[in-house]
């Protein structure tokens, strides 16, 4: 086995390999942050922006797959009333809106 590989993985034979272990943990944390945490935060930010821009008359789809048009918004309670049909209106939590639907 190559001695340089041993030095990278376990430190030098004389000791003092803790700094290499910290570097590896740092690299692993950066990798996890870039592949998992950062994209999730970006999606959350986009969703908050979407919810903040909703207005009466927007066509939306909920997380459950139900399509409707926003009939009313209650900011205090965090709820949205969707008009599903001519005489059908349903109340949803504002956070359950998944996306706007193009007209």
Protein backbone atom coordinates (compact mmCIF):
# COMPACT_ATOMS: atom_id res chain seq x y z
CA UNK A 1 0.00 0.00 0.00
CA UNK A 2 1.25 3.45 -0.83
CA UNK A 3 2.58 5.44 2.16
CA UNK A 4 0.98 8.71 1.00
CA UNK A 5 -2.47 7.06 1.07
CA UNK A 6 -1.80 5.95 4.63
CA UNK A 7 -0.80 9.47 5.60
CA UNK A 8 -4.00 10.93 4.13
CA UNK A 9 -6.28 8.40 5.75
CA UNK A 10 -4.75 7.91 9.18
CA UNK A 11 -2.16 10.63 9.57
CA UNK A 12 1.55 10.26 9.71
CA UNK A 13 3.10 7.31 11.56
CA UNK A 14 4.41 9.79 14.11
CA UNK A 15 0.90 11.07 14.92
CA UNK A 16 -0.72 14.44 14.20
CA UNK A 17 -3.25 13.09 11.68
CA UNK A 18 -6.16 14.92 13.30
CA UNK A 19 -5.85 17.85 10.94
CA UNK A 20 -6.42 15.60 7.93
CA UNK A 21 -9.53 14.19 9.58
CA UNK A 22 -10.87 17.72 10.08
CA UNK A 23 -10.21 18.50 6.42
CA UNK A 24 -12.14 15.39 5.35
CA UNK A 25 -15.07 16.25 7.62
CA UNK A 26 -15.04 19.80 6.25
CA UNK A 27 -15.09 18.54 2.66
CA UNK A 28 -17.95 16.15 3.44
CA UNK A 29 -19.95 18.96 5.08
CA UNK A 30 -19.40 21.24 2.06
CA UNK A 31 -20.51 18.44 -0.27
CA UNK A 32 -23.67 17.77 1.75
CA UNK A 33 -24.44 21.50 1.93
CA UNK A 34 -24.05 22.00 -1.82
CA UNK A 35 -26.06 18.94 -2.83
CA UNK A 36 -28.85 18.85 -0.24
CA UNK A 37 -29.22 21.87 2.03
CA UNK A 38 -28.70 24.72 -0.46
CA UNK A 39 -31.18 23.47 -3.11
CA UNK A 40 -33.83 22.83 -0.43
CA UNK A 41 -33.46 26.36 0.95
CA UNK A 42 -33.75 27.75 -2.58
CA UNK A 43 -37.01 25.84 -3.15
CA UNK A 44 -38.38 27.06 0.20
CA UNK A 45 -37.53 30.66 -0.67
CA UNK A 46 -39.23 30.35 -4.08
CA UNK A 47 -42.34 28.83 -2.44
CA UNK A 48 -42.54 31.66 0.12
CA UNK A 49 -42.28 34.18 -2.72
CA UNK A 50 -45.04 32.38 -4.62
CA UNK A 51 -47.33 32.44 -1.58
CA UNK A 52 -46.63 36.11 -1.02
CA UNK A 53 -47.56 37.01 -4.61
CA UNK A 54 -50.91 35.17 -4.67
CA UNK A 55 -53.96 37.30 -5.41
CA UNK A 56 -57.63 36.83 -6.13
CA UNK A 57 -58.25 35.30 -9.55
CA UNK A 58 -54.97 33.35 -9.80
CA UNK A 59 -55.30 29.79 -11.04
CA UNK A 60 -53.43 27.42 -8.73
CA UNK A 61 -52.90 23.76 -7.95
CA UNK A 62 -52.70 22.39 -4.41
CA UNK A 63 -50.28 19.81 -3.08
CA UNK A 64 -53.08 17.24 -3.34
CA UNK A 65 -53.49 17.96 -7.07
CA UNK A 66 -56.71 19.96 -6.91
CA UNK A 67 -56.99 22.82 -9.41
CA UNK A 68 -58.91 25.97 -8.66
CA UNK A 69 -59.10 29.73 -8.84
CA UNK A 70 -58.42 31.85 -5.77
CA UNK A 71 -61.72 33.31 -4.59
CA UNK A 72 -60.50 34.88 -1.32
CA UNK A 73 -57.37 35.07 0.82
CA UNK A 74 -57.38 35.30 4.62
CA UNK A 75 -53.86 36.41 5.58
CA UNK A 76 -54.62 36.42 9.32
CA UNK A 77 -55.53 32.74 9.44
CA UNK A 78 -53.24 31.71 6.57
CA UNK A 79 -56.07 30.30 4.49
CA UNK A 80 -57.22 30.52 0.89
CA UNK A 81 -60.68 29.90 -0.54
CA UNK A 82 -60.52 28.20 -3.94
CA UNK A 83 -63.37 28.18 -6.41
CA UNK A 84 -63.42 24.69 -7.88
CA UNK A 85 -66.66 24.80 -9.82
CA UNK A 86 -69.62 27.13 -10.37
CA UNK A 87 -71.06 26.63 -6.87
CA UNK A 88 -68.13 24.86 -5.20
CA UNK A 89 -65.73 26.75 -2.95
CA UNK A 90 -63.21 25.00 -0.70
CA UNK A 91 -60.96 26.42 1.99
CA UNK A 92 -57.29 25.38 2.07
CA UNK A 93 -54.27 26.33 4.10
CA UNK A 94 -52.22 28.84 2.16
CA UNK A 95 -49.12 26.62 2.51
CA UNK A 96 -50.90 23.83 0.64
CA UNK A 97 -50.73 25.81 -2.62
CA UNK A 98 -48.08 24.09 -4.73
CA UNK A 99 -47.90 26.31 -7.82
CA UNK A 100 -49.63 28.77 -10.09
CA UNK A 101 -51.13 27.37 -13.28
CA UNK A 102 -50.72 29.29 -16.51
CA UNK A 103 -53.93 30.52 -18.04
